[in-house]
Amino acid sequence: MSYICCPKPATILPSYPACGRPQLTYRVMGGTEPNLNEYPWLAMLLYRNRSAFNADWKLVPSCGGSLINNRYVLTAAHCVTDEVLQIQRIRLGEHTTSQNPDCMSWGAQRICAPPHLDIDVESVTAHDDYDPGKYTSHNDIALVRLQVPVRYTLAYYPICVLGYRSSLSKSKLRVAGWGKTGMFDAGSKVLQHAALKIRKPKVCSEKYAHLGFQPRSQICAGGLDNKGTCGGDSGSPLMGTSRRSYEEFTFLAGITSYGGACGTIGWPIVFTRTAGSC
């Protein structure tokens, strides 16, 4: 396949400009649908339902993740430790699940992205201190290793993972995924994104006192409006922006872990902090 090559297996995280570069995209103004390949690191996790007895089983999406180098995707630990859903593949370059390739209209032109890319999973590694038997969701982070490395293109490109804690108070924070668009809706067929604001740790500490919110390893964001994550968005990235010289790049600030009722005002979202975890 032309989108996969065989470079040396990645063992380190790339640094800017080899990650997090903003893509040149055709803009569609308004709405909550991002542009084609706007988030080339965004991964869709595909699962086999172990409880399905039909031999003609189909892979189903249930979580998101982030490509962090040419061999690994970072996601939530609870996305890879489920007893019923067994992760099988990672999909990159997806936008609308009912189309392949994905296309958008730009004036009189119809612009199409490259076809999405499905890669089998070789192995998964959850954080050593993650305990799926507890409901605290501490250390909710995991690595998914791909069977073959990815060749970077405008459609498949890693996000930056910072080796230090960056202040998020002034950063533009965004989330993106294919989760539910409402509490009683099915998962979205079209990629959605939203802007979030950072919240003070005490907000999540009070709202989720029974879960033991930890400011050192978790981030509290959102809950000020009806924008946020919902079922199916677990593992998806909380993205921040930073600058180097005159260029802006995107970094992985956190991983969607849990929250209150979907997009409910007053209930923020808890993300696993990524700086210091990788």
C-alpha atoms as a PDB file:
ATOM      1  CA  MET A   1       0.000   0.000   0.000  1.00  0.00           C
ATOM      2  CA  SER A   2       1.434   3.383  -0.940  1.00  0.00           C
ATOM      3  CA  TYR A   3       0.743   4.952   2.448  1.00  0.00           C
ATOM      4  CA  ILE A   4       2.881   2.516   4.441  1.00  0.00           C
ATOM      5  CA  CYS A   5       6.629   2.151   4.265  1.00  0.00           C
ATOM      6  CA  CYS A   6       9.245   0.421   6.279  1.00  0.00           C
ATOM      7  CA  PRO A   7      11.448   3.001   8.022  1.00  0.00           C
ATOM      8  CA  LYS A   8      13.301   2.175  11.185  1.00  0.00           C
ATOM      9  CA  PRO A   9      10.812   1.491  13.988  1.00  0.00           C
ATOM     10  CA  ALA A  10      10.192   4.610  16.035  1.00  0.00           C
ATOM     11  CA  THR A  11      11.443   4.448  19.610  1.00  0.00           C
ATOM     12  CA  ILE A  12      11.461   8.181  20.365  1.00  0.00           C
ATOM     13  CA  LEU A  13       8.922  10.960  20.151  1.00  0.00           C
ATOM     14  CA  PRO A  14       9.362  13.426  17.284  1.00  0.00           C
ATOM     15  CA  SER A  15       9.768  17.116  18.030  1.00  0.00           C
ATOM     16  CA  TYR A  16       8.555  20.107  16.057  1.00  0.00           C
ATOM     17  CA  PRO A  17       8.623  20.535  13.040  1.00  0.00           C
ATOM     18  CA  ALA A  18       8.355  16.743  12.699  1.00  0.00           C
ATOM     19  CA  CYS A  19       5.049  16.791  14.606  1.00  0.00           C
ATOM     20  CA  GLY A  20       2.021  18.972  15.271  1.00  0.00           C
ATOM     21  CA  ARG A  21       2.324  21.107  12.154  1.00  0.00           C
ATOM     22  CA  PRO A  22      -0.882  22.864  11.083  1.00  0.00           C
ATOM     23  CA  GLN A  23      -2.090  21.495   7.776  1.00  0.00           C
ATOM     24  CA  LEU A  24      -3.021  23.562   4.733  1.00  0.00           C
ATOM     25  CA  THR A  25      -6.715  22.780   4.381  1.00  0.00           C
ATOM     26  CA  TYR A  26      -9.691  24.039   2.425  1.00  0.00           C
ATOM     27  CA  ARG A  27     -11.774  26.042   4.865  1.00  0.00           C
ATOM     28  CA  VAL A  28     -15.458  25.477   5.457  1.00  0.00           C
ATOM     29  CA  MET A  29     -16.653  28.259   7.719  1.00  0.00           C
ATOM     30  CA  GLY A  30     -19.033  27.769  10.622  1.00  0.00           C
ATOM     31  CA  GLY A  31     -20.397  24.665  12.273  1.00  0.00           C
ATOM     32  CA  THR A  32     -18.616  22.082  14.393  1.00  0.00           C
ATOM     33  CA  GLU A  33     -17.198  19.955  11.578  1.00  0.00           C
ATOM     34  CA  PRO A  34     -13.441  20.397  11.091  1.00  0.00           C
ATOM     35  CA  ASN A  35     -11.755  20.500   7.725  1.00  0.00           C
ATOM     36  CA  LEU A  36     -10.388  17.465   5.926  1.00  0.00           C
ATOM     37  CA  ASN A  37      -7.102  16.326   7.511  1.00  0.00           C
ATOM     38  CA  GLU A  38      -7.188  19.175  10.010  1.00  0.00           C
ATOM     39  CA  TYR A  39      -6.142  16.687  12.707  1.00  0.00           C
ATOM     40  CA  PRO A  40      -3.907  14.189  10.845  1.00  0.00           C
ATOM     41  CA  TRP A  41      -2.847  12.547  14.121  1.00  0.00           C
ATOM     42  CA  LEU A  42      -6.387  11.652  15.142  1.00  0.00           C
ATOM     43  CA  ALA A  43      -6.945   7.895  15.284  1.00  0.00           C
ATOM     44  CA  MET A  44     -10.138   5.854  15.408  1.00  0.00           C
ATOM     45  CA  LEU A  45      -9.896   2.608  17.382  1.00  0.00           C
ATOM     46  CA  LEU A  46     -11.737  -0.339  15.830  1.00  0.00           C
ATOM     47  CA  TYR A  47     -12.897  -3.299  17.904  1.00  0.00           C
ATOM     48  CA  ARG A  48     -14.232  -6.812  17.635  1.00  0.00           C
ATOM     49  CA  ASN A  49     -17.141  -7.595  19.942  1.00  0.00           C
ATOM     50  CA  ARG A  50     -16.130 -10.780  21.767  1.00  0.00           C
ATOM     51  CA  SER A  51     -19.731 -11.459  22.766  1.00  0.00           C
ATOM     52  CA  ALA A  52     -20.914 -11.531  19.124  1.00  0.00           C
ATOM     53  CA  PHE A  53     -21.482 -15.102  17.931  1.00  0.00           C
ATOM     54  CA  ASN A  54     -22.075 -14.166  14.308  1.00  0.00           C
ATOM     55  CA  ALA A  55     -19.150 -15.359  12.178  1.00  0.00           C
ATOM     56  CA  ASP A  56     -19.598 -12.306   9.934  1.00  0.00           C
ATOM     57  CA  TRP A  57     -18.627  -9.907  12.711  1.00  0.00           C
ATOM     58  CA  LYS A  58     -17.816  -6.319  11.816  1.00  0.00           C
ATOM     59  CA  LEU A  59     -15.297  -4.046  13.450  1.00  0.00           C
ATOM     60  CA  VAL A  60     -16.922  -1.222  15.393  1.00  0.00           C
ATOM     61  CA  PRO A  61     -15.441   2.114  16.540  1.00  0.00           C
ATOM     62  CA  SER A  62     -15.610   2.928  20.228  1.00  0.00           C
ATOM     63  CA  CYS A  63     -12.647   5.141  21.214  1.00  0.00           C
ATOM     64  CA  GLY A  64     -10.202   7.643  19.803  1.00  0.00           C
ATOM     65  CA  GLY A  65      -6.463   8.123  20.075  1.00  0.00           C
ATOM     66  CA  SER A  66      -3.479  10.130  18.840  1.00  0.00           C
ATOM     67  CA  LEU A  67      -0.616   9.120  16.562  1.00  0.00           C
ATOM     68  CA  ILE A  68       2.549  10.129  18.451  1.00  0.00           C
ATOM     69  CA  ASN A  69       5.186   8.575  16.179  1.00  0.00           C
ATOM     70  CA  ASN A  70       5.239   6.214  13.220  1.00  0.00           C
ATOM     71  CA  ARG A  71       4.546   3.117  15.315  1.00  0.00           C
ATOM     72  CA  TYR A  72       2.458   4.164  18.322  1.00  0.00           C
ATOM     73  CA  VAL A  73      -0.965   5.588  19.151  1.00  0.00           C
ATOM     74  CA  LEU A  74      -1.688   7.009  22.599  1.00  0.00           C
ATOM     75  CA  THR A  75      -5.153   6.451  24.072  1.00  0.00           C
ATOM     76  CA  ALA A  76      -6.970   5.834  27.365  1.00  0.00           C
ATOM     77  CA  ALA A  77      -6.235   2.638  29.288  1.00  0.00           C
ATOM     78  CA  HIS A  78      -9.934   1.894  29.704  1.00  0.00           C
ATOM     79  CA  CYS A  79     -10.151   1.769  25.888  1.00  0.00           C
ATOM     80  CA  VAL A  80      -7.838  -1.262  25.698  1.00  0.00           C
ATOM     81  CA  THR A  81      -8.773  -3.237  28.821  1.00  0.00           C
ATOM     82  CA  ASP A  82     -12.447  -3.888  28.090  1.00  0.00           C
ATOM     83  CA  GLU A  83     -13.440  -7.554  28.485  1.00  0.00           C
ATOM     84  CA  VAL A  84     -16.040  -7.428  25.700  1.00  0.00           C
ATOM     85  CA  LEU A  85     -14.541  -5.141  23.048  1.00  0.00           C
ATOM     86  CA  GLN A  86     -11.149  -6.308  21.769  1.00  0.00           C
ATOM     87  CA  ILE A  87      -9.115  -3.748  19.860  1.00  0.00           C
ATOM     88  CA  GLN A  88      -8.122  -4.959  16.386  1.00  0.00           C
ATOM     89  CA  ARG A  89      -7.155  -2.020  14.187  1.00  0.00           C
ATOM     90  CA  ILE A  90      -6.308   1.658  14.129  1.00  0.00           C
ATOM     91  CA  ARG A  91      -7.783   3.907  11.453  1.00  0.00           C
ATOM     92  CA  LEU A  92      -5.982   7.088  10.397  1.00  0.00           C
ATOM     93  CA  GLY A  93      -7.185   9.818   8.050  1.00  0.00           C
ATOM     94  CA  GLU A  94     -10.883   9.268   8.774  1.00  0.00           C
ATOM     95  CA  HIS A  95     -13.430  12.080   8.592  1.00  0.00           C
ATOM     96  CA  THR A  96     -16.865  10.805   7.538  1.00  0.00           C
ATOM     97  CA  THR A  97     -17.340   7.119   8.303  1.00  0.00           C
ATOM     98  CA  SER A  98     -19.821   6.621   5.455  1.00  0.00           C
ATOM     99  CA  GLN A  99     -17.377   7.923   2.807  1.00  0.00           C
ATOM    100  CA  ASN A 100     -14.012   6.768   1.535  1.00  0.00           C
ATOM    101  CA  PRO A 101     -12.392   8.928   0.379  1.00  0.00           C
ATOM    102  CA  ASP A 102     -13.793  11.914   2.256  1.00  0.00           C
ATOM    103  CA  CYS A 103     -14.743  14.919   0.122  1.00  0.00           C
ATOM    104  CA  MET A 104     -15.841  18.518   0.665  1.00  0.00           C
ATOM    105  CA  SER A 105     -17.071  21.218  -1.702  1.00  0.00           C
ATOM    106  CA  TRP A 106     -14.896  24.300  -2.156  1.00  0.00           C
ATOM    107  CA  GLY A 107     -16.772  26.717  -4.382  1.00  0.00           C
ATOM    108  CA  ALA A 108     -17.282  24.923  -7.685  1.00  0.00           C
ATOM    109  CA  GLN A 109     -14.601  22.374  -6.806  1.00  0.00           C
ATOM    110  CA  ARG A 110     -14.979  19.110  -4.950  1.00  0.00           C
ATOM    111  CA  ILE A 111     -11.900  18.415  -2.870  1.00  0.00           C
ATOM    112  CA  CYS A 112     -11.149  14.886  -1.666  1.00  0.00           C
ATOM    113  CA  ALA A 113      -8.696  13.655   0.943  1.00  0.00           C
ATOM    114  CA  PRO A 114      -6.617  10.482   0.533  1.00  0.00           C
ATOM    115  CA  PRO A 115      -8.423   7.252   1.521  1.00  0.00           C
ATOM    116  CA  HIS A 116      -8.324   6.410   5.210  1.00  0.00           C
ATOM    117  CA  LEU A 117      -5.686   3.962   6.379  1.00  0.00           C
ATOM    118  CA  ASP A 118      -6.400   0.872   8.533  1.00  0.00           C
ATOM    119  CA  ILE A 119      -3.476  -0.778  10.346  1.00  0.00           C
ATOM    120  CA  ASP A 120      -3.676  -3.893  12.511  1.00  0.00           C
ATOM    121  CA  VAL A 121      -2.710  -3.638  16.177  1.00  0.00           C
ATOM    122  CA  GLU A 122       0.402  -5.543  17.253  1.00  0.00           C
ATOM    123  CA  SER A 123       0.144  -5.006  21.012  1.00  0.00           C
ATOM    124  CA  VAL A 124      -1.293  -2.771  23.714  1.00  0.00           C
ATOM    125  CA  THR A 125       0.342  -1.576  26.925  1.00  0.00           C
ATOM    126  CA  ALA A 126      -1.708   0.083  29.634  1.00  0.00           C
ATOM    127  CA  HIS A 127      -0.071   2.100  32.411  1.00  0.00           C
ATOM    128  CA  ASP A 128       1.366  -0.222  35.072  1.00  0.00           C
ATOM    129  CA  ASP A 129      -0.639   1.503  37.802  1.00  0.00           C
ATOM    130  CA  TYR A 130      -3.966   1.546  35.982  1.00  0.00           C
ATOM    131  CA  ASP A 131      -6.509  -0.659  37.741  1.00  0.00           C
ATOM    132  CA  PRO A 132      -9.652  -1.372  35.665  1.00  0.00           C
ATOM    133  CA  GLY A 133     -11.294  -2.794  38.771  1.00  0.00           C
ATOM    134  CA  LYS A 134     -11.332   0.622  40.427  1.00  0.00           C
ATOM    135  CA  TYR A 135     -13.514   3.557  39.444  1.00  0.00           C
ATOM    136  CA  THR A 136     -10.970   6.288  40.119  1.00  0.00           C
ATOM    137  CA  SER A 137      -9.641   6.342  36.521  1.00  0.00           C
ATOM    138  CA  HIS A 138      -6.154   7.247  37.717  1.00  0.00           C
ATOM    139  CA  ASN A 139      -3.317   6.517  35.242  1.00  0.00           C
ATOM    140  CA  ASP A 140      -5.879   6.150  32.444  1.00  0.00           C
ATOM    141  CA  ILE A 141      -3.341   6.035  29.624  1.00  0.00           C
ATOM    142  CA  ALA A 142      -2.121   3.346  27.218  1.00  0.00           C
ATOM    143  CA  LEU A 143       0.084   2.777  24.179  1.00  0.00           C
ATOM    144  CA  VAL A 144      -1.078   0.908  21.086  1.00  0.00           C
ATOM    145  CA  ARG A 145       1.712  -0.477  18.904  1.00  0.00           C
ATOM    146  CA  LEU A 146       0.987  -0.799  15.190  1.00  0.00           C
ATOM    147  CA  GLN A 147       2.052  -3.864  13.218  1.00  0.00           C
ATOM    148  CA  VAL A 148       3.744  -1.690  10.593  1.00  0.00           C
ATOM    149  CA  PRO A 149       5.102   1.874  10.719  1.00  0.00           C
ATOM    150  CA  VAL A 150       3.264   4.755   9.101  1.00  0.00           C
ATOM    151  CA  ARG A 151       4.689   6.945   6.369  1.00  0.00           C
ATOM    152  CA  TYR A 152       3.893  10.552   7.228  1.00  0.00           C
ATOM    153  CA  THR A 153       1.792  12.526   4.759  1.00  0.00           C
ATOM    154  CA  LEU A 154      -0.582  15.474   5.073  1.00  0.00           C
ATOM    155  CA  ALA A 155      -3.264  12.934   5.994  1.00  0.00           C
ATOM    156  CA  TYR A 156      -1.276  10.915   8.564  1.00  0.00           C
ATOM    157  CA  TYR A 157       1.017  12.922  10.812  1.00  0.00           C
ATOM    158  CA  PRO A 158       1.939  12.772  14.524  1.00  0.00           C
ATOM    159  CA  ILE A 159       0.991  15.232  17.215  1.00  0.00           C
ATOM    160  CA  CYS A 160       3.705  16.647  19.469  1.00  0.00           C
ATOM    161  CA  VAL A 161       4.022  15.268  23.002  1.00  0.00           C
ATOM    162  CA  LEU A 162       5.847  17.695  25.276  1.00  0.00           C
ATOM    163  CA  GLY A 163       8.447  16.407  27.702  1.00  0.00           C
ATOM    164  CA  TYR A 164       7.573  19.179  30.135  1.00  0.00           C
ATOM    165  CA  ARG A 165       4.406  20.592  31.659  1.00  0.00           C
ATOM    166  CA  SER A 166       3.170  23.548  29.651  1.00  0.00           C
ATOM    167  CA  SER A 167       0.802  26.157  31.064  1.00  0.00           C
ATOM    168  CA  LEU A 168      -2.618  25.591  29.552  1.00  0.00           C
ATOM    169  CA  SER A 169      -4.299  28.744  30.870  1.00  0.00           C
ATOM    170  CA  LYS A 170      -3.490  30.746  27.736  1.00  0.00           C
ATOM    171  CA  SER A 171      -3.459  27.893  25.234  1.00  0.00           C
ATOM    172  CA  LYS A 172      -6.261  27.310  22.758  1.00  0.00           C
ATOM    173  CA  LEU A 173      -7.670  23.941  23.790  1.00  0.00           C
ATOM    174  CA  ARG A 174      -9.671  21.722  21.441  1.00  0.00           C
ATOM    175  CA  VAL A 175     -11.173  18.254  21.444  1.00  0.00           C
ATOM    176  CA  ALA A 176     -12.169  16.173  18.427  1.00  0.00           C
ATOM    177  CA  GLY A 177     -13.777  12.796  17.878  1.00  0.00           C
ATOM    178  CA  TRP A 178     -16.645  10.704  16.564  1.00  0.00           C
ATOM    179  CA  GLY A 179     -18.510  10.339  19.859  1.00  0.00           C
ATOM    180  CA  LYS A 180     -22.167  11.003  20.499  1.00  0.00           C
ATOM    181  CA  THR A 181     -23.434  14.501  19.724  1.00  0.00           C
ATOM    182  CA  GLY A 182     -26.096  14.170  22.432  1.00  0.00           C
ATOM    183  CA  MET A 183     -26.775  11.986  25.440  1.00  0.00           C
ATOM    184  CA  PHE A 184     -29.271   9.799  23.585  1.00  0.00           C
ATOM    185  CA  ASP A 185     -27.689   9.933  20.121  1.00  0.00           C
ATOM    186  CA  ALA A 186     -25.614   7.330  18.331  1.00  0.00           C
ATOM    187  CA  GLY A 187     -21.963   8.016  17.582  1.00  0.00           C
ATOM    188  CA  SER A 188     -21.373  10.734  14.996  1.00  0.00           C
ATOM    189  CA  LYS A 189     -20.587   9.604  11.441  1.00  0.00           C
ATOM    190  CA  VAL A 190     -18.750  12.878  10.857  1.00  0.00           C
ATOM    191  CA  LEU A 191     -15.721  14.061  12.814  1.00  0.00           C
ATOM    192  CA  GLN A 192     -16.644  16.853  15.236  1.00  0.00           C
ATOM    193  CA  HIS A 193     -14.511  19.296  17.188  1.00  0.00           C
ATOM    194  CA  ALA A 194     -15.019  21.910  19.882  1.00  0.00           C
ATOM    195  CA  ALA A 195     -13.056  24.496  21.846  1.00  0.00           C
ATOM    196  CA  LEU A 196     -12.731  24.072  25.604  1.00  0.00           C
ATOM    197  CA  LYS A 197     -11.474  26.254  28.431  1.00  0.00           C
ATOM    198  CA  ILE A 198      -9.247  25.071  31.242  1.00  0.00           C
ATOM    199  CA  ARG A 199     -10.898  24.941  34.684  1.00  0.00           C
ATOM    200  CA  LYS A 200      -9.422  25.227  38.144  1.00  0.00           C
ATOM    201  CA  PRO A 201      -8.611  21.816  39.663  1.00  0.00           C
ATOM    202  CA  LYS A 202     -10.972  22.392  42.587  1.00  0.00           C
ATOM    203  CA  VAL A 203     -13.943  22.382  40.175  1.00  0.00           C
ATOM    204  CA  CYS A 204     -13.283  18.756  39.230  1.00  0.00           C
ATOM    205  CA  SER A 205     -12.226  17.876  42.776  1.00  0.00           C
ATOM    206  CA  GLU A 206     -15.652  18.968  44.018  1.00  0.00           C
ATOM    207  CA  LYS A 207     -17.696  17.538  41.136  1.00  0.00           C
ATOM    208  CA  TYR A 208     -15.929  14.182  41.160  1.00  0.00           C
ATOM    209  CA  ALA A 209     -14.954  13.870  44.823  1.00  0.00           C
ATOM    210  CA  HIS A 210     -15.831  10.161  44.792  1.00  0.00           C
ATOM    211  CA  LEU A 211     -13.304   9.570  41.992  1.00  0.00           C
ATOM    212  CA  GLY A 212     -10.392  11.336  43.653  1.00  0.00           C
ATOM    213  CA  PHE A 213      -9.391  13.913  41.028  1.00  0.00           C
ATOM    214  CA  GLN A 214      -5.581  14.362  40.982  1.00  0.00           C
ATOM    215  CA  PRO A 215      -4.332  17.732  39.629  1.00  0.00           C
ATOM    216  CA  ARG A 216      -0.781  16.423  39.145  1.00  0.00           C
ATOM    217  CA  SER A 217      -1.867  13.736  36.688  1.00  0.00           C
ATOM    218  CA  GLN A 218      -5.261  14.977  35.463  1.00  0.00           C
ATOM    219  CA  ILE A 219      -6.647  18.078  33.737  1.00  0.00           C
ATOM    220  CA  CYS A 220     -10.022  19.700  34.356  1.00  0.00           C
ATOM    221  CA  ALA A 221     -11.574  21.448  31.337  1.00  0.00           C
ATOM    222  CA  GLY A 222     -14.922  22.368  29.791  1.00  0.00           C
ATOM    223  CA  GLY A 223     -18.360  22.377  31.365  1.00  0.00           C
ATOM    224  CA  LEU A 224     -18.963  26.095  30.775  1.00  0.00           C
ATOM    225  CA  ASP A 225     -21.301  25.484  27.829  1.00  0.00           C
ATOM    226  CA  ASN A 226     -22.844  22.509  26.074  1.00  0.00           C
ATOM    227  CA  LYS A 227     -19.642  21.683  24.196  1.00  0.00           C
ATOM    228  CA  GLY A 228     -17.470  18.768  25.205  1.00  0.00           C
ATOM    229  CA  THR A 229     -16.917  15.052  24.898  1.00  0.00           C
ATOM    230  CA  CYS A 230     -19.458  12.242  25.034  1.00  0.00           C
ATOM    231  CA  GLY A 231     -19.688   8.469  24.714  1.00  0.00           C
ATOM    232  CA  GLY A 232     -17.239   7.252  22.059  1.00  0.00           C
ATOM    233  CA  ASP A 233     -14.799  10.128  22.615  1.00  0.00           C
ATOM    234  CA  SER A 234     -12.764   8.307  25.276  1.00  0.00           C
ATOM    235  CA  GLY A 235      -9.070   8.273  24.467  1.00  0.00           C
ATOM    236  CA  SER A 236      -9.402  11.213  22.068  1.00  0.00           C
ATOM    237  CA  PRO A 237      -6.917  14.071  22.449  1.00  0.00           C
ATOM    238  CA  LEU A 238      -7.189  17.325  24.325  1.00  0.00           C
ATOM    239  CA  MET A 239      -5.091  19.486  22.018  1.00  0.00           C
ATOM    240  CA  GLY A 240      -3.223  22.638  22.918  1.00  0.00           C
ATOM    241  CA  THR A 241      -1.257  25.102  20.819  1.00  0.00           C
ATOM    242  CA  SER A 242       2.172  26.602  21.336  1.00  0.00           C
ATOM    243  CA  ARG A 243       4.595  28.695  19.310  1.00  0.00           C
ATOM    244  CA  ARG A 244       8.148  28.210  18.176  1.00  0.00           C
ATOM    245  CA  SER A 245       9.581  31.252  16.433  1.00  0.00           C
ATOM    246  CA  TYR A 246       6.752  32.511  14.223  1.00  0.00           C
ATOM    247  CA  GLU A 247       4.989  29.192  13.749  1.00  0.00           C
ATOM    248  CA  GLU A 248       2.214  27.634  15.771  1.00  0.00           C
ATOM    249  CA  PHE A 249       2.129  23.913  16.445  1.00  0.00           C
ATOM    250  CA  THR A 250      -0.281  21.537  18.171  1.00  0.00           C
ATOM    251  CA  PHE A 251       0.624  19.408  21.169  1.00  0.00           C
ATOM    252  CA  LEU A 252      -1.149  16.671  23.097  1.00  0.00           C
ATOM    253  CA  ALA A 253      -2.221  18.153  26.420  1.00  0.00           C
ATOM    254  CA  GLY A 254      -4.343  15.265  27.655  1.00  0.00           C
ATOM    255  CA  ILE A 255      -6.414  12.176  26.906  1.00  0.00           C
ATOM    256  CA  THR A 256     -10.182  12.076  27.375  1.00  0.00           C
ATOM    257  CA  SER A 257     -10.882   9.978  30.477  1.00  0.00           C
ATOM    258  CA  TYR A 258     -14.334  10.726  31.931  1.00  0.00           C
ATOM    259  CA  GLY A 259     -16.946  13.391  32.583  1.00  0.00           C
ATOM    260  CA  GLY A 260     -20.533  14.037  33.570  1.00  0.00           C
ATOM    261  CA  ALA A 261     -23.561  13.829  31.312  1.00  0.00           C
ATOM    262  CA  CYS A 262     -22.632  14.666  27.716  1.00  0.00           C
ATOM    263  CA  GLY A 263     -22.071  18.386  27.200  1.00  0.00           C
ATOM    264  CA  THR A 264     -23.937  19.320  30.384  1.00  0.00           C
ATOM    265  CA  ILE A 265     -23.258  22.827  31.671  1.00  0.00           C
ATOM    266  CA  GLY A 266     -21.591  22.693  35.064  1.00  0.00           C
ATOM    267  CA  TRP A 267     -19.976  19.289  34.547  1.00  0.00           C
ATOM    268  CA  PRO A 268     -16.379  19.535  33.303  1.00  0.00           C
ATOM    269  CA  ILE A 269     -14.380  16.784  31.605  1.00  0.00           C
ATOM    270  CA  VAL A 270     -11.396  15.038  33.155  1.00  0.00           C
ATOM    271  CA  PHE A 271      -8.378  14.323  30.958  1.00  0.00           C
ATOM    272  CA  THR A 272      -5.286  12.276  31.754  1.00  0.00           C
ATOM    273  CA  ARG A 273      -2.316  14.634  31.667  1.00  0.00           C
ATOM    274  CA  THR A 274       0.254  13.480  29.099  1.00  0.00           C
ATOM    275  CA  ALA A 275       3.346  15.502  30.044  1.00  0.00           C
ATOM    276  CA  GLY A 276       5.497  13.215  32.169  1.00  0.00           C
ATOM    277  CA  SER A 277       3.499  10.109  31.257  1.00  0.00           C
ATOM    278  CA  CYS A 278       5.445   9.075  28.143  1.00  0.00           C
END
